[in-house]
Amino acid sequence: MPLVAGIDEAGYGPTLGPLVVAASLWRVPPQHAQADLWKLLRSCVGRADSRGDALLRIDDSKRVFDRKRGLGSLERPVLACAQAAGLPCRTLGELRAALGCPSDADTALPWEAAADPALPLDPVHGAYQAIAGRLAAECRRAGVACAGLMARTVSPRRFNQRVAQTDNKASVLLEHVLDLLAASANAAGDDELHVVVDHLGGRTNYRDLLLALFPGAGLRELDISPNRSAYELRVRAALWRITFVVEADQAFLPVALASMLAKYLREVLMEHFNAYWRRLVPGLRPTAGYHQDARRFLEDIEAVRPRTGISLESFVRQR
């Protein structure tokens, strides 16, 4: 059966917190290799604005997540799909290991060392077991399967190291996207593969990158435009189609789920980061880590930070 994959990121722009790049993989019948999975799974899965509380909402994470209402809107779909894919998710550490997250967490930082809570964090809005069962049944009916979830987390220290080595912030994101692309290809084996990646910044041509990643592949450019770059590769007996699309998380369910998974992991890790500093600074307003508010946050903790022995370089991105 063909493998369909989507790749997206969360946290590329912020000053604080990790960069997370994620992928979702789906097995589909040949006739549905380019089908709309929202339509195939419509009795169980809907978009952010779908009616009906019984639906599992999978969409661009910016449309699904409301920080004021908590993590439940991300947690329920992510954990339901993780269970459908056969991944253990009783704790964050267990889930991250199952996702293939590298162990680059800086355990010298207290919020990293302690980041292994039981899941779901929101036992009411994040409860997922019942809907996971419905999702599995709907997938069987449609002949599709959530074949896997993958993620890569890049700590601020590691992010800074890679930027210093490459002198290019975009290359840090790109190397992890390509890592997940290679992992998706490995999962496909000799089967047909369709991968959609959310467009990476201002880049429009990925030909040389793909040829370097898959040496010996026959490559044909299908479409090169400001909003879409599509390629067909022949590798051994397999036919692969790899497409980079602007706002792919709003048009392709596998990318939307990757977007939600990346956002969920980042938000959970940011909760631990905020909780640590709020214990030291009563009344401290938490931060999502974006530049302007990160500056405010760093000013608010500066009176206590030196006493912790934690250097700014270990948790603040330089770019």
Protein backbone atom coordinates (compact mmCIF):
# COMPACT_ATOMS: atom_id res chain seq x y z
CA MET A 1 0.00 0.00 0.00
CA PRO A 2 1.24 3.53 -0.72
CA LEU A 3 2.61 5.56 2.17
CA VAL A 4 1.42 9.17 2.51
CA ALA A 5 3.39 11.47 4.83
CA GLY A 6 3.18 15.07 5.98
CA ILE A 7 5.95 17.14 7.60
CA ASP A 8 5.72 20.44 9.49
CA GLU A 9 7.40 22.38 12.30
CA ALA A 10 6.63 24.48 15.36
CA GLY A 11 8.96 26.93 17.07
CA TYR A 12 11.24 28.02 14.24
CA GLY A 13 10.85 31.73 15.00
CA PRO A 14 10.78 32.06 18.83
CA THR A 15 13.62 33.20 21.06
CA LEU A 16 12.85 30.71 23.84
CA GLY A 17 11.98 27.03 23.77
CA PRO A 18 12.72 24.18 21.38
CA LEU A 19 12.28 23.85 17.66
CA VAL A 20 10.13 20.80 16.91
CA VAL A 21 9.80 19.16 13.49
CA ALA A 22 7.23 16.38 13.12
CA ALA A 23 5.79 13.95 10.59
CA SER A 24 2.68 11.82 10.31
CA LEU A 25 2.57 8.71 8.12
CA TRP A 26 -0.52 7.04 6.66
CA ARG A 27 -1.03 3.85 4.68
CA VAL A 28 -3.74 4.20 2.04
CA PRO A 29 -5.17 2.06 -0.79
CA PRO A 30 -3.61 2.81 -4.21
CA GLN A 31 -6.78 4.51 -5.46
CA HIS A 32 -6.63 6.93 -2.50
CA ALA A 33 -2.93 7.84 -2.73
CA GLN A 34 -3.81 11.48 -3.40
CA ALA A 35 -7.23 11.52 -1.76
CA ASP A 36 -8.47 13.96 0.88
CA LEU A 37 -8.18 12.09 4.19
CA TRP A 38 -10.64 14.50 5.81
CA LYS A 39 -13.27 13.17 3.39
CA LEU A 40 -12.26 9.54 3.78
CA LEU A 41 -12.48 9.77 7.59
CA ARG A 42 -15.30 12.33 7.75
CA SER A 43 -17.53 10.45 10.19
CA CYS A 44 -14.78 10.64 12.83
CA VAL A 45 -12.37 13.43 11.80
CA GLY A 46 -13.12 17.06 11.03
CA ARG A 47 -11.44 20.43 10.73
CA ALA A 48 -11.17 23.03 13.50
CA ASP A 49 -14.50 24.62 12.58
CA SER A 50 -16.41 21.34 12.19
CA ARG A 51 -19.64 20.92 14.07
CA GLY A 52 -20.14 18.10 16.55
CA ASP A 53 -18.23 17.41 19.74
CA ALA A 54 -17.73 13.77 18.76
CA LEU A 55 -15.36 14.65 15.91
CA LEU A 56 -11.60 14.49 16.23
CA ARG A 57 -10.39 17.91 15.09
CA ILE A 58 -7.25 17.78 12.97
CA ASP A 59 -6.21 21.01 11.28
CA ASP A 60 -3.49 23.64 11.12
CA SER A 61 -2.37 23.92 14.75
CA LYS A 62 -2.88 27.70 14.69
CA ARG A 63 -6.57 27.11 13.95
CA VAL A 64 -7.02 24.36 16.54
CA PHE A 65 -5.04 25.61 19.54
CA ASP A 66 -6.23 28.33 21.90
CA ARG A 67 -3.73 28.87 24.70
CA LYS A 68 -6.39 30.31 27.02
CA ARG A 69 -8.38 27.07 26.82
CA GLY A 70 -5.38 24.85 27.38
CA LEU A 71 -3.72 21.94 25.62
CA GLY A 72 -6.75 19.67 25.33
CA SER A 73 -7.53 20.71 21.75
CA LEU A 74 -4.08 19.51 20.67
CA GLU A 75 -3.68 16.69 23.15
CA ARG A 76 -6.81 14.72 22.27
CA PRO A 77 -6.11 14.36 18.51
CA VAL A 78 -2.37 13.85 18.93
CA LEU A 79 -2.68 11.10 21.54
CA ALA A 80 -5.60 9.46 19.72
CA CYS A 81 -3.52 9.23 16.55
CA ALA A 82 -0.50 8.04 18.52
CA GLN A 83 -2.59 5.21 19.96
CA ALA A 84 -4.00 4.42 16.51
CA ALA A 85 -0.40 4.18 15.26
CA GLY A 86 0.47 1.79 18.09
CA LEU A 87 2.75 4.22 19.92
CA PRO A 88 2.96 4.11 23.73
CA CYS A 89 1.99 7.46 25.23
CA ARG A 90 1.50 7.02 28.98
CA THR A 91 4.14 9.67 29.70
CA LEU A 92 5.81 12.42 27.69
CA GLY A 93 9.15 10.63 27.86
CA GLU A 94 7.60 7.41 26.58
CA LEU A 95 5.90 9.25 23.72
CA ARG A 96 9.05 11.17 22.75
CA ALA A 97 11.04 7.95 22.66
CA ALA A 98 8.39 6.31 20.47
CA LEU A 99 8.46 9.33 18.14
CA GLY A 100 12.20 8.96 17.69
CA CYS A 101 13.06 12.25 19.36
CA PRO A 102 16.83 12.43 19.83
CA SER A 103 18.02 12.59 23.41
CA ASP A 104 19.52 16.07 22.98
CA ALA A 105 17.61 17.50 25.95
CA ASP A 106 19.97 19.45 28.17
CA THR A 107 19.40 17.61 31.43
CA ALA A 108 21.54 20.16 33.24
CA LEU A 109 18.54 22.46 32.85
CA PRO A 110 15.99 21.65 35.56
CA TRP A 111 12.92 22.03 33.36
CA GLU A 112 14.38 19.57 30.85
CA ALA A 113 15.38 17.02 33.47
CA ALA A 114 11.87 17.02 34.93
CA ALA A 115 9.93 16.98 31.64
CA ASP A 116 8.30 13.54 31.87
CA PRO A 117 4.70 14.08 33.02
CA ALA A 118 1.94 11.50 32.77
CA LEU A 119 -0.33 11.96 29.74
CA PRO A 120 -2.84 13.32 29.07
CA LEU A 121 -2.01 16.52 30.93
CA ASP A 122 -5.66 17.55 30.66
CA PRO A 123 -7.58 14.44 31.75
CA VAL A 124 -10.93 15.97 30.73
CA HIS A 125 -10.38 17.78 27.43
CA GLY A 126 -7.39 15.65 26.49
CA ALA A 127 -9.08 12.29 27.10
CA TYR A 128 -8.46 10.27 23.96
CA GLN A 129 -9.06 6.55 24.50
CA ALA A 130 -12.68 6.48 23.32
CA ILE A 131 -12.13 8.60 20.23
CA ALA A 132 -8.98 6.60 19.44
CA GLY A 133 -11.14 3.50 19.25
CA ARG A 134 -13.57 5.24 16.91
CA LEU A 135 -10.68 6.48 14.77
CA ALA A 136 -9.30 2.95 14.45
CA ALA A 137 -12.71 1.66 13.38
CA GLU A 138 -13.16 4.47 10.85
CA CYS A 139 -9.70 3.82 9.43
CA ARG A 140 -10.53 0.14 8.98
CA ARG A 141 -13.76 1.09 7.20
CA ALA A 142 -11.90 3.42 4.84
CA GLY A 143 -9.01 1.02 4.31
CA VAL A 144 -6.41 3.45 5.66
CA ALA A 145 -4.14 3.37 8.70
CA CYS A 146 -2.16 5.86 10.73
CA ALA A 147 1.16 4.12 10.17
CA GLY A 148 3.35 6.25 12.41
CA LEU A 149 4.28 9.56 13.97
CA MET A 150 7.80 10.95 14.19
CA ALA A 151 9.35 14.07 15.71
CA ARG A 152 12.67 15.77 16.25
CA THR A 153 13.18 18.30 19.06
CA VAL A 154 16.05 20.77 18.94
CA SER A 155 16.93 22.41 22.25
CA PRO A 156 18.01 26.09 22.25
CA ARG A 157 21.59 25.09 23.10
CA ARG A 158 21.71 22.64 20.20
CA PHE A 159 20.00 25.20 17.94
CA ASN A 160 22.70 27.76 18.79
CA GLN A 161 25.46 25.24 18.17
CA ARG A 162 24.14 24.34 14.73
CA VAL A 163 23.61 27.98 13.75
CA ALA A 164 27.20 28.74 14.79
CA GLN A 165 28.46 25.81 12.71
CA THR A 166 26.40 26.55 9.61
CA ASP A 167 25.98 30.34 9.92
CA ASN A 168 22.48 29.73 8.60
CA LYS A 169 19.36 29.49 10.77
CA ALA A 170 17.30 28.04 7.93
CA SER A 171 19.71 25.12 7.55
CA VAL A 172 18.92 23.96 11.10
CA LEU A 173 15.27 23.54 10.19
CA LEU A 174 16.10 22.05 6.81
CA GLU A 175 18.39 19.33 8.18
CA HIS A 176 15.62 18.02 10.42
CA VAL A 177 13.01 18.19 7.66
CA LEU A 178 15.34 16.16 5.45
CA ASP A 179 15.95 13.71 8.30
CA LEU A 180 12.21 13.07 8.57
CA LEU A 181 11.92 12.87 4.79
CA ALA A 182 14.61 10.19 4.74
CA ALA A 183 12.87 8.35 7.60
CA SER A 184 9.58 8.46 5.67
CA ALA A 185 11.30 7.03 2.61
CA ASN A 186 12.81 4.29 4.75
CA ALA A 187 9.35 3.46 6.12
CA ALA A 188 7.95 3.25 2.58
CA GLY A 189 10.59 0.80 1.42
CA ASP A 190 9.74 -0.22 -2.13
CA ASP A 191 6.17 1.06 -1.88
CA GLU A 192 4.81 4.16 -3.53
CA LEU A 193 5.48 7.26 -1.43
CA HIS A 194 3.74 10.64 -1.36
CA VAL A 195 5.23 13.29 0.95
CA VAL A 196 3.92 16.82 1.44
CA VAL A 197 6.06 19.31 3.36
CA ASP A 198 5.02 22.75 4.52
CA HIS A 199 7.00 25.25 2.39
CA LEU A 200 10.35 26.24 3.91
CA GLY A 201 10.79 30.02 3.97
CA GLY A 202 11.71 31.64 0.67
CA ARG A 203 13.21 28.53 -0.95
CA THR A 204 11.45 27.43 -4.14
CA ASN A 205 13.73 24.74 -5.58
CA TYR A 206 14.69 21.60 -3.67
CA ARG A 207 16.13 19.61 -6.58
CA ASP A 208 19.76 19.55 -5.44
CA LEU A 209 18.77 18.79 -1.85
CA LEU A 210 16.68 15.80 -2.91
CA LEU A 211 19.39 14.45 -5.20
CA ALA A 212 21.91 14.74 -2.36
CA LEU A 213 19.52 13.01 0.04
CA PHE A 214 18.67 10.21 -2.40
CA PRO A 215 21.78 9.71 -4.58
CA GLY A 216 21.11 7.71 -7.71
CA ALA A 217 17.43 8.55 -7.82
CA GLY A 218 15.89 9.60 -11.07
CA LEU A 219 14.27 12.99 -10.51
CA ARG A 220 11.71 14.89 -12.56
CA GLU A 221 10.45 18.36 -11.72
CA LEU A 222 6.66 18.46 -11.90
CA ASP A 223 5.97 22.04 -10.80
CA ILE A 224 8.24 24.85 -9.63
CA SER A 225 6.44 28.02 -8.55
CA PRO A 226 6.51 30.47 -5.62
CA ASN A 227 3.82 28.49 -3.76
CA ARG A 228 4.50 24.91 -4.82
CA SER A 229 7.53 22.77 -5.68
CA ALA A 230 6.71 19.21 -6.75
CA TYR A 231 9.05 16.37 -7.74
CA GLU A 232 8.79 12.80 -8.89
CA LEU A 233 11.59 10.41 -7.96
CA ARG A 234 12.20 6.84 -9.04
CA VAL A 235 14.18 4.86 -6.49
CA ARG A 236 14.72 1.20 -7.27
CA ALA A 237 11.21 -0.01 -8.22
CA ALA A 238 9.43 2.69 -6.24
CA LEU A 239 7.77 5.88 -7.43
CA TRP A 240 7.94 8.79 -4.97
CA ARG A 241 6.27 12.18 -5.18
CA ILE A 242 7.60 14.90 -2.87
CA THR A 243 5.87 18.26 -2.75
CA PHE A 244 6.64 21.45 -0.82
CA VAL A 245 3.53 23.63 -0.53
CA VAL A 246 2.76 26.98 1.08
CA GLU A 247 0.23 26.52 3.93
CA ALA A 248 0.22 22.75 3.43
CA ASP A 249 -1.10 22.33 6.98
CA GLN A 250 -4.40 23.84 5.83
CA ALA A 251 -4.77 21.60 2.78
CA PHE A 252 -3.41 18.14 3.70
CA LEU A 253 -4.44 16.18 6.77
CA PRO A 254 -1.06 14.43 7.28
CA VAL A 255 0.66 17.85 7.38
CA ALA A 256 -2.02 19.26 9.69
CA LEU A 257 -1.46 16.38 12.12
CA ALA A 258 2.32 16.91 11.92
CA SER A 259 1.71 20.59 12.70
CA MET A 260 -0.38 19.67 15.74
CA LEU A 261 2.13 17.10 16.99
CA ALA A 262 5.00 19.59 16.72
CA LYS A 263 2.98 22.29 18.44
CA TYR A 264 1.84 19.92 21.20
CA LEU A 265 5.36 18.81 22.06
CA ARG A 266 6.63 22.38 22.08
CA GLU A 267 3.77 23.63 24.27
CA VAL A 268 4.25 20.84 26.82
CA LEU A 269 7.96 21.59 27.05
CA MET A 270 7.24 25.32 27.35
CA GLU A 271 4.85 24.60 30.24
CA HIS A 272 7.72 22.97 32.13
CA PHE A 273 10.00 25.90 31.30
CA ASN A 274 7.45 28.43 32.56
CA ALA A 275 6.61 26.39 35.66
CA TYR A 276 10.26 26.33 36.72
CA TRP A 277 10.69 30.11 36.56
CA ARG A 278 7.27 30.83 38.08
CA ARG A 279 8.30 28.89 41.18
CA LEU A 280 11.23 31.28 41.54
CA VAL A 281 9.37 34.48 40.60
CA PRO A 282 5.87 34.62 42.15
CA GLY A 283 3.35 36.22 39.83
CA LEU A 284 5.57 35.83 36.76
CA ARG A 285 3.55 35.86 33.54
CA PRO A 286 4.34 32.81 31.39
CA THR A 287 5.72 33.25 27.88
CA ALA A 288 5.19 31.48 24.59
CA GLY A 289 8.81 32.37 23.75
CA TYR A 290 8.30 34.77 20.85
CA HIS A 291 10.75 37.66 20.55
CA GLN A 292 9.01 40.64 22.14
CA ASP A 293 7.45 38.75 25.02
CA ALA A 294 10.64 36.73 25.49
CA ARG A 295 12.50 39.99 26.13
CA ARG A 296 9.92 40.90 28.78
CA PHE A 297 10.22 37.45 30.35
CA LEU A 298 14.01 37.57 30.46
CA GLU A 299 13.88 40.97 32.17
CA ASP A 300 11.41 39.59 34.72
CA ILE A 301 13.64 36.65 35.67
CA GLU A 302 16.99 38.45 35.58
CA ALA A 303 16.96 39.22 39.30
CA VAL A 304 16.91 35.51 40.19
CA ARG A 305 18.60 33.89 37.18
CA PRO A 306 22.24 34.43 38.32
CA ARG A 307 21.48 32.56 41.55
CA THR A 308 20.39 29.50 39.58
CA GLY A 309 23.73 29.24 37.78
CA ILE A 310 21.88 28.91 34.45
CA SER A 311 23.52 30.88 31.66
CA LEU A 312 21.49 32.74 29.06
CA GLU A 313 23.39 30.92 26.32
CA SER A 314 21.95 27.60 27.48
CA PHE A 315 18.31 28.50 26.87
CA VAL A 316 18.10 31.70 24.78
CA ARG A 317 18.50 31.40 21.02
CA GLN A 318 21.09 33.68 19.46
CA ARG A 319 19.05 34.02 16.25
